[in-house]
Amino acid sequence: MTTTTAITRKWHTTAEVAAMLGFGLSKTKMLVATGEIRSVKIGRNRRILPAWVDEYVQHCAANASAERAA
């Protein structure tokens, strides 16, 4: 009997995050470069945790709510 274990991805590329957020790649890279979306550099590549994408979305939603309240 063989069991198969599904491995869930732990990191996203900037291109994957751009697609998730509906942004262009250059805008996403700018958000990463300015630190608005946290990332780590692994070799020559940037990787982003799913929680960091959620953190950015929550930050944007909170700012939108604050602007509406003002």
N, C-alpha and C. Protein backbone atom coordinates (compact mmCIF):
# COMPACT_ATOMS: atom_id res chain seq x y z
N MET A 1 0.84 -1.18 0.00
CA MET A 1 0.00 0.00 0.00
C MET A 1 0.89 1.24 0.00
N THR A 2 0.60 2.16 -0.91
CA THR A 2 1.36 3.40 -1.02
C THR A 2 0.49 4.56 -0.58
N THR A 3 1.05 5.41 0.25
CA THR A 3 0.32 6.61 0.65
C THR A 3 0.96 7.82 -0.02
N THR A 4 0.14 8.73 -0.42
CA THR A 4 0.61 9.95 -1.06
C THR A 4 0.31 11.12 -0.14
N THR A 5 1.31 11.93 0.07
CA THR A 5 1.13 13.11 0.91
C THR A 5 1.18 14.34 0.03
N ALA A 6 0.17 15.16 0.13
CA ALA A 6 0.13 16.41 -0.63
C ALA A 6 0.93 17.46 0.13
N ILE A 7 1.84 18.08 -0.55
CA ILE A 7 2.64 19.13 0.06
C ILE A 7 2.05 20.47 -0.35
N THR A 8 1.68 21.25 0.63
CA THR A 8 1.13 22.56 0.34
C THR A 8 2.27 23.56 0.23
N ARG A 9 2.12 24.50 -0.66
CA ARG A 9 3.17 25.49 -0.87
C ARG A 9 3.23 26.43 0.30
N LYS A 10 4.43 26.76 0.70
CA LYS A 10 4.64 27.65 1.84
C LYS A 10 4.96 29.07 1.40
N TRP A 11 5.48 29.23 0.20
CA TRP A 11 5.93 30.53 -0.30
C TRP A 11 5.25 30.84 -1.62
N HIS A 12 5.10 32.11 -1.91
CA HIS A 12 4.61 32.57 -3.21
C HIS A 12 5.67 33.44 -3.86
N THR A 13 5.70 33.42 -5.18
CA THR A 13 6.57 34.33 -5.93
C THR A 13 5.84 35.67 -6.08
N THR A 14 6.59 36.69 -6.49
CA THR A 14 5.95 37.99 -6.71
C THR A 14 4.92 37.90 -7.83
N ALA A 15 5.18 37.08 -8.84
CA ALA A 15 4.23 36.92 -9.94
C ALA A 15 2.93 36.28 -9.44
N GLU A 16 3.04 35.29 -8.57
CA GLU A 16 1.84 34.65 -8.02
C GLU A 16 1.04 35.62 -7.16
N VAL A 17 1.74 36.42 -6.37
CA VAL A 17 1.06 37.41 -5.52
C VAL A 17 0.38 38.47 -6.39
N ALA A 18 1.06 38.88 -7.47
CA ALA A 18 0.45 39.85 -8.39
C ALA A 18 -0.86 39.31 -8.95
N ALA A 19 -0.85 38.04 -9.35
CA ALA A 19 -2.06 37.42 -9.89
C ALA A 19 -3.16 37.33 -8.82
N MET A 20 -2.78 36.98 -7.59
CA MET A 20 -3.76 36.88 -6.51
C MET A 20 -4.44 38.21 -6.23
N LEU A 21 -3.64 39.28 -6.25
CA LEU A 21 -4.16 40.60 -5.90
C LEU A 21 -4.77 41.33 -7.10
N GLY A 22 -4.54 40.82 -8.30
CA GLY A 22 -5.04 41.49 -9.49
C GLY A 22 -4.20 42.70 -9.87
N PHE A 23 -2.94 42.71 -9.45
CA PHE A 23 -2.01 43.79 -9.76
C PHE A 23 -1.07 43.35 -10.86
N GLY A 24 -0.41 44.31 -11.46
CA GLY A 24 0.66 44.00 -12.40
C GLY A 24 1.91 43.60 -11.64
N LEU A 25 2.82 42.94 -12.33
CA LEU A 25 4.05 42.48 -11.70
C LEU A 25 4.90 43.66 -11.22
N SER A 26 4.97 44.72 -12.00
CA SER A 26 5.80 45.86 -11.59
C SER A 26 5.25 46.54 -10.34
N LYS A 27 3.93 46.65 -10.22
CA LYS A 27 3.33 47.24 -9.00
C LYS A 27 3.63 46.35 -7.80
N THR A 28 3.51 45.05 -7.97
CA THR A 28 3.77 44.13 -6.88
C THR A 28 5.23 44.20 -6.46
N LYS A 29 6.14 44.26 -7.41
CA LYS A 29 7.56 44.38 -7.09
C LYS A 29 7.83 45.69 -6.36
N MET A 30 7.14 46.76 -6.72
CA MET A 30 7.30 48.04 -6.04
C MET A 30 6.81 47.93 -4.59
N LEU A 31 5.67 47.27 -4.38
CA LEU A 31 5.15 47.08 -3.02
C LEU A 31 6.12 46.26 -2.17
N VAL A 32 6.76 45.29 -2.77
CA VAL A 32 7.77 44.48 -2.07
C VAL A 32 9.00 45.34 -1.78
N ALA A 33 9.45 46.12 -2.76
CA ALA A 33 10.65 46.94 -2.60
C ALA A 33 10.47 48.00 -1.51
N THR A 34 9.26 48.55 -1.39
CA THR A 34 9.01 49.57 -0.37
C THR A 34 8.66 48.97 0.99
N GLY A 35 8.50 47.65 1.05
CA GLY A 35 8.20 46.99 2.31
C GLY A 35 6.73 46.93 2.65
N GLU A 36 5.87 47.40 1.74
CA GLU A 36 4.44 47.33 2.02
C GLU A 36 3.96 45.88 2.04
N ILE A 37 4.59 45.05 1.22
CA ILE A 37 4.38 43.60 1.28
C ILE A 37 5.70 43.01 1.73
N ARG A 38 5.68 42.32 2.86
CA ARG A 38 6.92 41.73 3.37
C ARG A 38 7.37 40.58 2.48
N SER A 39 8.68 40.36 2.44
CA SER A 39 9.23 39.27 1.66
C SER A 39 10.60 38.90 2.20
N VAL A 40 11.09 37.77 1.76
CA VAL A 40 12.46 37.37 2.06
C VAL A 40 13.16 37.08 0.74
N LYS A 41 14.46 37.30 0.73
CA LYS A 41 15.23 37.02 -0.46
C LYS A 41 15.90 35.67 -0.28
N ILE A 42 15.64 34.76 -1.19
CA ILE A 42 16.25 33.44 -1.18
C ILE A 42 17.04 33.33 -2.48
N GLY A 43 18.34 33.41 -2.36
CA GLY A 43 19.17 33.45 -3.57
C GLY A 43 18.90 34.75 -4.31
N ARG A 44 18.53 34.64 -5.57
CA ARG A 44 18.21 35.83 -6.36
C ARG A 44 16.72 36.13 -6.37
N ASN A 45 15.93 35.31 -5.72
CA ASN A 45 14.48 35.43 -5.80
C ASN A 45 13.85 35.94 -4.50
N ARG A 46 12.73 36.62 -4.64
CA ARG A 46 11.93 37.06 -3.50
C ARG A 46 10.81 36.06 -3.29
N ARG A 47 10.52 35.75 -2.04
CA ARG A 47 9.42 34.86 -1.70
C ARG A 47 8.57 35.53 -0.64
N ILE A 48 7.26 35.27 -0.71
CA ILE A 48 6.30 35.93 0.16
C ILE A 48 5.42 34.87 0.81
N LEU A 49 5.32 34.93 2.13
CA LEU A 49 4.44 34.01 2.84
C LEU A 49 2.98 34.38 2.60
N PRO A 50 2.09 33.39 2.53
CA PRO A 50 0.66 33.69 2.38
C PRO A 50 0.15 34.63 3.48
N ALA A 51 0.64 34.47 4.69
CA ALA A 51 0.21 35.35 5.80
C ALA A 51 0.58 36.80 5.53
N TRP A 52 1.70 37.03 4.83
CA TRP A 52 2.11 38.40 4.53
C TRP A 52 1.21 39.03 3.47
N VAL A 53 0.70 38.21 2.56
CA VAL A 53 -0.27 38.72 1.58
C VAL A 53 -1.55 39.12 2.32
N ASP A 54 -2.00 38.25 3.23
CA ASP A 54 -3.19 38.55 4.03
C ASP A 54 -2.99 39.81 4.86
N GLU A 55 -1.80 39.97 5.41
CA GLU A 55 -1.46 41.15 6.21
C GLU A 55 -1.59 42.43 5.37
N TYR A 56 -1.11 42.40 4.15
CA TYR A 56 -1.20 43.55 3.25
C TYR A 56 -2.66 43.87 2.93
N VAL A 57 -3.45 42.85 2.63
CA VAL A 57 -4.86 43.04 2.30
C VAL A 57 -5.60 43.64 3.49
N GLN A 58 -5.34 43.13 4.68
CA GLN A 58 -5.99 43.66 5.89
C GLN A 58 -5.59 45.11 6.12
N HIS A 59 -4.33 45.44 5.88
CA HIS A 59 -3.85 46.81 6.02
C HIS A 59 -4.59 47.74 5.05
N CYS A 60 -4.74 47.29 3.81
CA CYS A 60 -5.45 48.10 2.81
C CYS A 60 -6.92 48.29 3.20
N ALA A 61 -7.54 47.22 3.68
CA ALA A 61 -8.95 47.30 4.10
C ALA A 61 -9.11 48.24 5.29
N ALA A 62 -8.19 48.19 6.24
CA ALA A 62 -8.26 49.08 7.40
C ALA A 62 -8.09 50.53 6.98
N ASN A 63 -7.17 50.79 6.04
CA ASN A 63 -6.99 52.16 5.54
C ASN A 63 -8.24 52.66 4.82
N ALA A 64 -8.87 51.79 4.05
CA ALA A 64 -10.08 52.18 3.33
C ALA A 64 -11.21 52.50 4.31
N SER A 65 -11.32 51.71 5.38
CA SER A 65 -12.34 51.97 6.39
C SER A 65 -12.09 53.28 7.11
N ALA A 66 -10.82 53.55 7.42
CA ALA A 66 -10.47 54.79 8.11
C ALA A 66 -10.73 55.99 7.23
N GLU A 67 -10.48 55.87 5.94
CA GLU A 67 -10.73 57.00 5.01
C GLU A 67 -12.22 57.28 4.88
N ARG A 68 -13.03 56.22 4.86
CA ARG A 68 -14.48 56.40 4.76
C ARG A 68 -15.04 57.04 6.02
N ALA A 69 -14.46 56.71 7.17
CA ALA A 69 -14.94 57.24 8.45
C ALA A 69 -14.56 58.72 8.62
N ALA A 70 -13.51 59.13 7.95
CA ALA A 70 -13.03 60.52 8.13
C ALA A 70 -13.85 61.53 7.35
